[in-house]
Amino acid sequence: MPPFPAMSFSRVRAALLLLSALFFVLPLRADPPLSSDQILKQLDDLQKQQTAAQQGSLTSVLAEITAAEGDSQAALALYQKAVFEVQFNGAKGDNEAFQGWKKDHDLLFHDPSFANALTLHLKYLEFSIEYAKSGDPAPLIDPLLGFLQDLWDYQAKGAADAAANANVDATDPTRKGKKNRSGGGDTDLGQSLLKQGISTSALAKYYQVDSLLSGLKDWEDTPADDDGILNSTIFPALRTAKKPSLIQIWDQWIDHETEASKQDPLTDSQERFQNETLPKLQWARALDLLALDRKDEAMTEMLSLIKTYPLHPDNPSWIGQLRAIASGKPLSTAAN
């Protein structure tokens, strides 16, 4: 005789359902409650794990970007892949539309000017991610200065090509509307890579670092904004460290801005630069002489500017600032 009475299949099934119901209704045994210190310890550990995972992911992204920087074909392939995934929804999107986009830009993609713009774009994306990783601008100062020089060279080449293109119709009617494709050309797509915020770029979105980069402090988002790069990151870092190179970089920037102003075909714009913008830059440079404890030199240059530009809109403010400096008072007490 069996130890238990025989049960029909229906009764077994009913019993199992009852057990299942009890399993979900009865509360599971909870872990012992944790103290505040234990909670905080676990949260700290979780944060460390998340930070380590993010750092590892960013390191992998940086490796891909830097590899592409040295190879124009690899850079183009990476950019096209990012556009395909972000703007055309990847494999789920319209591949025919993406192929049409590539075809429309085929000549541009073979233009050395676009290759230069894309390389600059990748470099600034690299620096932005590096800054997001560490939060320390100091190791990036020299790379950023090299980037600015490359940017200025690119812009100068673009200005020269634009001037050459303006004369195409007059010198050779058969080339009407055509552009000089020798490099440095002012192409909309190439320019947009440098004039749009790096955090909104297709590559930033492809690597899913757009949110990370958009929240950076003391960092310029736009690669072509040399003013922002200098005043957000480079100048403050050199000022804090009291680096003598601060003034040398000021001189380089002022020289660049002066040369760039000469390319402006509008006489009024050139005069505005000479009489308003240039003196402002020179005054800011003099303030950084003060930051480097070169007070007498700074005051002498400030006085010269006040005398040279008596009608400048900032002249009353300059007088107040110089009076405060010479009196040993904080600049915040300067009156117009």
Protein backbone atom coordinates (compact mmCIF):
# COMPACT_ATOMS: atom_id res chain seq x y z
CA MET A 1 0.00 0.00 0.00
CA PRO A 2 1.41 3.41 -0.94
CA PRO A 3 2.34 5.70 1.97
CA PHE A 4 -0.06 8.35 0.70
CA PRO A 5 -3.47 8.04 -0.86
CA ALA A 6 -3.44 8.19 -4.62
CA MET A 7 -4.33 11.64 -6.06
CA SER A 8 -5.81 12.33 -9.41
CA PHE A 9 -3.97 14.60 -11.86
CA SER A 10 -6.60 17.32 -11.36
CA ARG A 11 -6.12 17.24 -7.59
CA VAL A 12 -2.33 17.41 -7.96
CA ARG A 13 -2.67 20.36 -10.32
CA ALA A 14 -5.00 22.13 -7.88
CA ALA A 15 -2.57 21.54 -5.02
CA LEU A 16 0.32 22.96 -7.03
CA LEU A 17 -1.70 26.04 -7.92
CA LEU A 18 -2.56 26.52 -4.25
CA LEU A 19 1.11 26.25 -3.28
CA SER A 20 2.04 28.74 -5.98
CA ALA A 21 -0.57 31.17 -4.75
CA LEU A 22 0.69 30.86 -1.20
CA PHE A 23 4.27 31.40 -2.41
CA PHE A 24 3.40 34.75 -3.98
CA VAL A 25 1.04 35.85 -1.20
CA LEU A 26 3.23 35.03 1.76
CA PRO A 27 5.98 37.61 2.21
CA LEU A 28 9.52 36.52 1.48
CA ARG A 29 11.92 36.74 4.37
CA ALA A 30 13.58 40.18 4.14
CA ASP A 31 17.25 40.80 4.82
CA PRO A 32 18.00 42.30 8.20
CA PRO A 33 17.58 46.10 8.15
CA LEU A 34 20.76 48.06 7.48
CA SER A 35 22.10 50.95 9.50
CA SER A 36 22.77 54.38 8.01
CA ASP A 37 26.51 53.71 7.94
CA GLN A 38 25.97 50.42 6.10
CA ILE A 39 23.70 52.13 3.55
CA LEU A 40 26.24 54.88 2.96
CA LYS A 41 29.03 52.32 2.59
CA GLN A 42 27.08 50.40 -0.05
CA LEU A 43 26.21 53.61 -1.90
CA ASP A 44 29.90 54.59 -1.92
CA ASP A 45 30.84 51.17 -3.29
CA LEU A 46 28.17 51.40 -6.00
CA GLN A 47 29.38 54.85 -7.02
CA LYS A 48 32.96 53.63 -7.24
CA GLN A 49 31.85 50.72 -9.44
CA GLN A 50 29.84 53.02 -11.69
CA THR A 51 32.72 55.50 -11.96
CA ALA A 52 35.16 52.73 -12.81
CA ALA A 53 32.83 51.37 -15.48
CA GLN A 54 32.35 54.83 -16.99
CA GLN A 55 36.09 55.51 -16.97
CA GLY A 56 36.71 52.23 -18.75
CA SER A 57 34.07 53.01 -21.35
CA LEU A 58 35.50 56.49 -21.98
CA THR A 59 39.00 55.04 -22.33
CA SER A 60 37.74 52.71 -25.08
CA VAL A 61 35.99 55.60 -26.84
CA LEU A 62 39.15 57.70 -26.70
CA ALA A 63 41.18 54.87 -28.21
CA GLU A 64 38.84 54.73 -31.21
CA ILE A 65 38.85 58.48 -31.69
CA THR A 66 42.63 58.93 -31.46
CA ALA A 67 43.15 56.03 -33.87
CA ALA A 68 40.91 57.75 -36.42
CA GLU A 69 42.64 61.13 -36.03
CA GLY A 70 45.78 59.92 -37.76
CA ASP A 71 44.00 58.32 -40.73
CA SER A 72 41.72 60.45 -42.89
CA GLN A 73 39.95 57.42 -44.34
CA ALA A 74 39.34 55.95 -40.89
CA ALA A 75 38.11 59.35 -39.68
CA LEU A 76 35.67 59.61 -42.59
CA ALA A 77 34.42 56.05 -42.05
CA LEU A 78 33.87 56.76 -38.34
CA TYR A 79 32.03 60.01 -39.09
CA GLN A 80 29.80 58.35 -41.71
CA LYS A 81 29.03 55.50 -39.32
CA ALA A 82 28.02 57.99 -36.62
CA VAL A 83 25.78 59.89 -39.05
CA PHE A 84 24.22 56.62 -40.22
CA GLU A 85 23.40 55.56 -36.66
CA VAL A 86 22.33 58.95 -35.31
CA GLN A 87 20.76 60.83 -38.20
CA PHE A 88 19.45 57.89 -40.24
CA ASN A 89 18.49 55.60 -37.34
CA GLY A 90 21.02 52.94 -38.30
CA ALA A 91 19.80 49.60 -39.59
CA LYS A 92 16.23 50.51 -38.63
CA GLY A 93 16.27 53.60 -40.81
CA ASP A 94 16.17 54.34 -44.50
CA ASN A 95 19.44 53.03 -45.93
CA GLU A 96 18.56 54.46 -49.34
CA ALA A 97 18.33 57.94 -47.82
CA PHE A 98 21.73 57.48 -46.17
CA GLN A 99 23.30 56.34 -49.45
CA GLY A 100 21.79 59.40 -51.11
CA TRP A 101 23.34 61.61 -48.44
CA LYS A 102 26.75 60.05 -49.05
CA LYS A 103 26.40 60.50 -52.79
CA ASP A 104 25.40 64.14 -52.40
CA HIS A 105 28.55 64.80 -50.36
CA ASP A 106 30.94 62.59 -52.30
CA LEU A 107 33.05 65.45 -53.70
CA LEU A 108 33.19 67.09 -50.29
CA PHE A 109 34.33 63.88 -48.64
CA HIS A 110 37.34 63.88 -50.97
CA ASP A 111 38.16 67.52 -50.24
CA PRO A 112 41.29 68.00 -48.07
CA SER A 113 39.53 70.94 -46.42
CA PHE A 114 36.79 68.68 -45.09
CA ALA A 115 39.38 66.15 -43.92
CA ASN A 116 41.14 68.90 -41.97
CA ALA A 117 37.88 70.08 -40.40
CA LEU A 118 36.96 66.52 -39.43
CA THR A 119 40.38 65.95 -37.83
CA LEU A 120 39.99 69.15 -35.81
CA HIS A 121 36.51 68.04 -34.79
CA LEU A 122 37.82 64.66 -33.60
CA LYS A 123 40.67 66.28 -31.70
CA TYR A 124 38.35 68.60 -29.82
CA LEU A 125 36.01 65.72 -29.06
CA GLU A 126 39.00 63.83 -27.66
CA PHE A 127 40.04 66.77 -25.47
CA SER A 128 36.48 67.29 -24.26
CA ILE A 129 36.18 63.64 -23.20
CA GLU A 130 39.59 63.76 -21.52
CA TYR A 131 38.47 66.80 -19.54
CA ALA A 132 35.20 65.09 -18.63
CA LYS A 133 37.19 62.09 -17.36
CA SER A 134 39.63 63.99 -15.18
CA GLY A 135 38.15 67.44 -14.53
CA ASP A 136 41.74 68.76 -14.66
CA PRO A 137 42.54 71.20 -17.49
CA ALA A 138 46.29 71.39 -16.78
CA PRO A 139 47.37 68.38 -18.93
CA LEU A 140 45.25 69.71 -21.81
CA ILE A 141 46.71 73.22 -22.03
CA ASP A 142 49.50 72.37 -24.47
CA PRO A 143 47.27 70.13 -26.65
CA LEU A 144 44.64 72.89 -26.73
CA LEU A 145 47.23 75.45 -27.78
CA GLY A 146 48.34 73.15 -30.59
CA PHE A 147 44.69 72.73 -31.56
CA LEU A 148 44.18 76.50 -31.69
CA GLN A 149 47.19 76.91 -33.96
CA ASP A 150 45.83 74.24 -36.30
CA LEU A 151 42.41 75.91 -36.17
CA TRP A 152 43.88 79.30 -37.03
CA ASP A 153 45.85 77.79 -39.93
CA TYR A 154 42.67 76.14 -41.19
CA GLN A 155 40.74 79.39 -40.93
CA ALA A 156 43.49 81.35 -42.68
CA LYS A 157 43.53 78.83 -45.52
CA GLY A 158 39.76 79.03 -45.73
CA ALA A 159 39.87 82.82 -45.93
CA ALA A 160 42.49 82.67 -48.66
CA ASP A 161 40.46 80.17 -50.66
CA ALA A 162 37.31 82.23 -50.20
CA ALA A 163 39.11 85.24 -51.65
CA ALA A 164 40.35 83.12 -54.56
CA ASN A 165 36.85 81.78 -55.20
CA ALA A 166 35.48 85.32 -55.26
CA ASN A 167 37.69 86.04 -58.25
CA VAL A 168 36.88 82.85 -60.16
CA ASP A 169 34.18 84.36 -62.35
CA ALA A 170 36.32 87.34 -63.29
CA THR A 171 39.44 85.35 -64.12
CA ASP A 172 37.86 82.30 -65.77
CA PRO A 173 34.18 82.43 -66.78
CA THR A 174 34.25 78.68 -67.54
CA ARG A 175 34.65 78.00 -63.81
CA LYS A 176 31.69 80.09 -62.75
CA GLY A 177 30.32 78.91 -59.42
CA LYS A 178 33.08 76.36 -58.89
CA LYS A 179 35.26 76.33 -55.82
CA ASN A 180 38.97 75.85 -55.28
CA ARG A 181 39.22 72.33 -53.85
CA SER A 182 42.90 72.53 -52.93
CA GLY A 183 42.05 72.61 -49.23
CA GLY A 184 40.81 75.07 -46.67
CA GLY A 185 37.58 75.75 -48.54
CA ASP A 186 34.58 77.19 -46.79
CA THR A 187 32.22 74.21 -47.03
CA ASP A 188 28.99 74.21 -45.04
CA LEU A 189 29.38 70.68 -43.70
CA GLY A 190 33.04 71.12 -42.80
CA GLN A 191 32.36 74.43 -41.10
CA SER A 192 29.41 73.00 -39.20
CA LEU A 193 31.70 70.39 -37.63
CA LEU A 194 33.62 73.23 -36.00
CA LYS A 195 30.85 75.75 -35.40
CA GLN A 196 28.35 73.43 -33.71
CA GLY A 197 28.68 72.42 -30.08
CA ILE A 198 30.79 69.30 -29.70
CA SER A 199 28.19 67.87 -27.29
CA THR A 200 25.50 68.02 -30.00
CA SER A 201 27.60 66.38 -32.72
CA ALA A 202 26.73 63.07 -34.34
CA LEU A 203 29.92 61.53 -32.94
CA ALA A 204 29.13 62.61 -29.37
CA LYS A 205 25.66 61.12 -29.69
CA TYR A 206 27.00 57.96 -31.34
CA TYR A 207 29.36 57.40 -28.41
CA GLN A 208 26.60 58.44 -25.97
CA VAL A 209 28.74 61.13 -24.34
CA ASP A 210 26.52 64.06 -25.38
CA SER A 211 24.91 64.46 -21.94
CA LEU A 212 28.27 64.15 -20.23
CA LEU A 213 29.87 66.84 -22.41
CA SER A 214 26.93 69.24 -22.31
CA GLY A 215 27.32 69.62 -18.55
CA LEU A 216 31.02 70.51 -18.48
CA LYS A 217 32.00 73.63 -16.55
CA ASP A 218 34.90 75.91 -17.49
CA TRP A 219 34.99 74.31 -20.92
CA GLU A 220 33.99 75.75 -24.30
CA ASP A 221 31.60 73.51 -26.22
CA THR A 222 32.26 74.96 -29.69
CA PRO A 223 35.55 73.91 -31.35
CA ALA A 224 35.80 77.05 -33.52
CA ASP A 225 35.27 79.45 -30.60
CA ASP A 226 38.88 80.36 -29.84
CA ASP A 227 37.72 83.18 -27.55
CA GLY A 228 35.75 80.68 -25.47
CA ILE A 229 38.56 78.12 -25.39
CA LEU A 230 41.09 80.71 -24.24
CA ASN A 231 38.91 82.45 -21.68
CA SER A 232 37.11 79.36 -20.33
CA THR A 233 40.06 77.02 -19.94
CA ILE A 234 43.52 78.16 -21.07
CA PHE A 235 43.81 81.64 -19.56
CA PRO A 236 42.29 80.71 -16.15
CA ALA A 237 44.62 77.72 -15.79
CA LEU A 238 47.73 79.72 -16.72
CA ARG A 239 46.59 82.65 -14.56
CA THR A 240 46.14 80.42 -11.51
CA ALA A 241 49.54 78.83 -12.04
CA LYS A 242 51.12 82.26 -12.77
CA LYS A 243 52.71 80.95 -15.94
CA PRO A 244 54.75 83.55 -17.89
CA SER A 245 53.50 81.92 -21.11
CA LEU A 246 50.14 83.55 -20.36
CA ILE A 247 51.34 86.81 -21.93
CA GLN A 248 52.94 85.04 -24.90
CA ILE A 249 49.62 83.39 -25.68
CA TRP A 250 47.86 86.74 -25.38
CA ASP A 251 50.31 88.14 -27.95
CA GLN A 252 49.68 85.22 -30.31
CA TRP A 253 45.92 85.63 -30.04
CA ILE A 254 46.05 89.39 -30.56
CA ASP A 255 48.30 88.89 -33.62
CA HIS A 256 45.87 86.30 -34.99
CA GLU A 257 42.84 88.52 -34.44
CA THR A 258 44.63 91.47 -36.03
CA GLU A 259 45.53 89.47 -39.15
CA ALA A 260 42.02 88.02 -39.35
CA SER A 261 40.52 91.51 -39.22
CA LYS A 262 42.55 92.49 -42.28
CA GLN A 263 40.75 89.81 -44.27
CA ASP A 264 37.43 91.52 -43.64
CA PRO A 265 36.43 93.31 -46.86
CA LEU A 266 34.40 95.89 -44.93
CA THR A 267 36.43 98.97 -44.03
CA ASP A 268 34.05 99.81 -41.19
CA SER A 269 34.65 96.42 -39.61
CA GLN A 270 38.41 96.86 -39.83
CA GLU A 271 38.19 100.28 -38.20
CA ARG A 272 35.91 98.94 -35.46
CA PHE A 273 38.45 96.26 -34.68
CA GLN A 274 41.34 98.72 -34.55
CA ASN A 275 39.53 101.30 -32.44
CA GLU A 276 37.32 99.16 -30.19
CA THR A 277 38.09 95.42 -30.17
CA LEU A 278 41.90 95.62 -30.22
CA PRO A 279 42.15 98.04 -27.28
CA LYS A 280 39.82 95.77 -25.26
CA LEU A 281 42.09 92.81 -25.91
CA GLN A 282 45.16 94.85 -24.98
CA TRP A 283 43.52 95.99 -21.75
CA ALA A 284 42.67 92.40 -20.83
CA ARG A 285 46.29 91.46 -21.54
CA ALA A 286 47.45 94.24 -19.21
CA LEU A 287 45.20 92.87 -16.47
CA ASP A 288 46.96 89.53 -16.80
CA LEU A 289 50.31 91.28 -16.42
CA LEU A 290 48.90 92.35 -13.08
CA ALA A 291 47.93 88.74 -12.33
CA LEU A 292 51.58 87.79 -12.90
CA ASP A 293 52.69 90.41 -10.35
CA ARG A 294 54.09 92.69 -13.06
CA LYS A 295 52.24 95.69 -11.67
CA ASP A 296 54.38 98.56 -12.97
CA GLU A 297 54.42 97.12 -16.49
CA ALA A 298 50.68 96.60 -16.37
CA MET A 299 49.95 100.14 -15.17
CA THR A 300 52.23 101.65 -17.82
CA GLU A 301 50.42 99.81 -20.61
CA MET A 302 47.03 100.74 -19.16
CA LEU A 303 47.93 104.42 -19.03
CA SER A 304 49.12 104.24 -22.64
CA LEU A 305 45.77 102.76 -23.73
CA ILE A 306 43.82 105.43 -21.86
CA LYS A 307 45.83 108.13 -23.61
CA THR A 308 45.69 106.49 -27.05
CA TYR A 309 41.94 105.80 -27.06
CA PRO A 310 40.27 108.70 -25.21
CA LEU A 311 36.96 108.11 -27.02
CA HIS A 312 36.79 104.38 -26.39
CA PRO A 313 33.51 103.38 -24.67
CA ASP A 314 35.48 101.70 -21.87
CA ASN A 315 37.82 104.64 -21.25
CA PRO A 316 35.99 105.91 -18.13
CA SER A 317 36.02 102.40 -16.66
CA TRP A 318 39.72 102.03 -17.49
CA ILE A 319 40.53 105.24 -15.64
CA GLY A 320 38.67 104.00 -12.59
CA GLN A 321 40.42 100.63 -12.70
CA LEU A 322 43.89 102.14 -13.10
CA ARG A 323 43.25 104.60 -10.27
CA ALA A 324 42.25 101.70 -8.00
CA ILE A 325 45.33 99.66 -8.97
CA ALA A 326 47.70 102.57 -8.46
CA SER A 327 46.09 103.28 -5.07
CA GLY A 328 46.44 99.67 -3.98
CA LYS A 329 42.69 99.15 -3.84
CA PRO A 330 40.75 96.14 -5.17
CA LEU A 331 39.45 96.50 -8.72
CA SER A 332 35.96 95.92 -7.38
CA THR A 333 36.13 99.40 -5.82
CA ALA A 334 36.92 101.08 -9.16
CA ALA A 335 34.43 103.76 -10.15
CA ASN A 336 33.79 104.99 -13.69
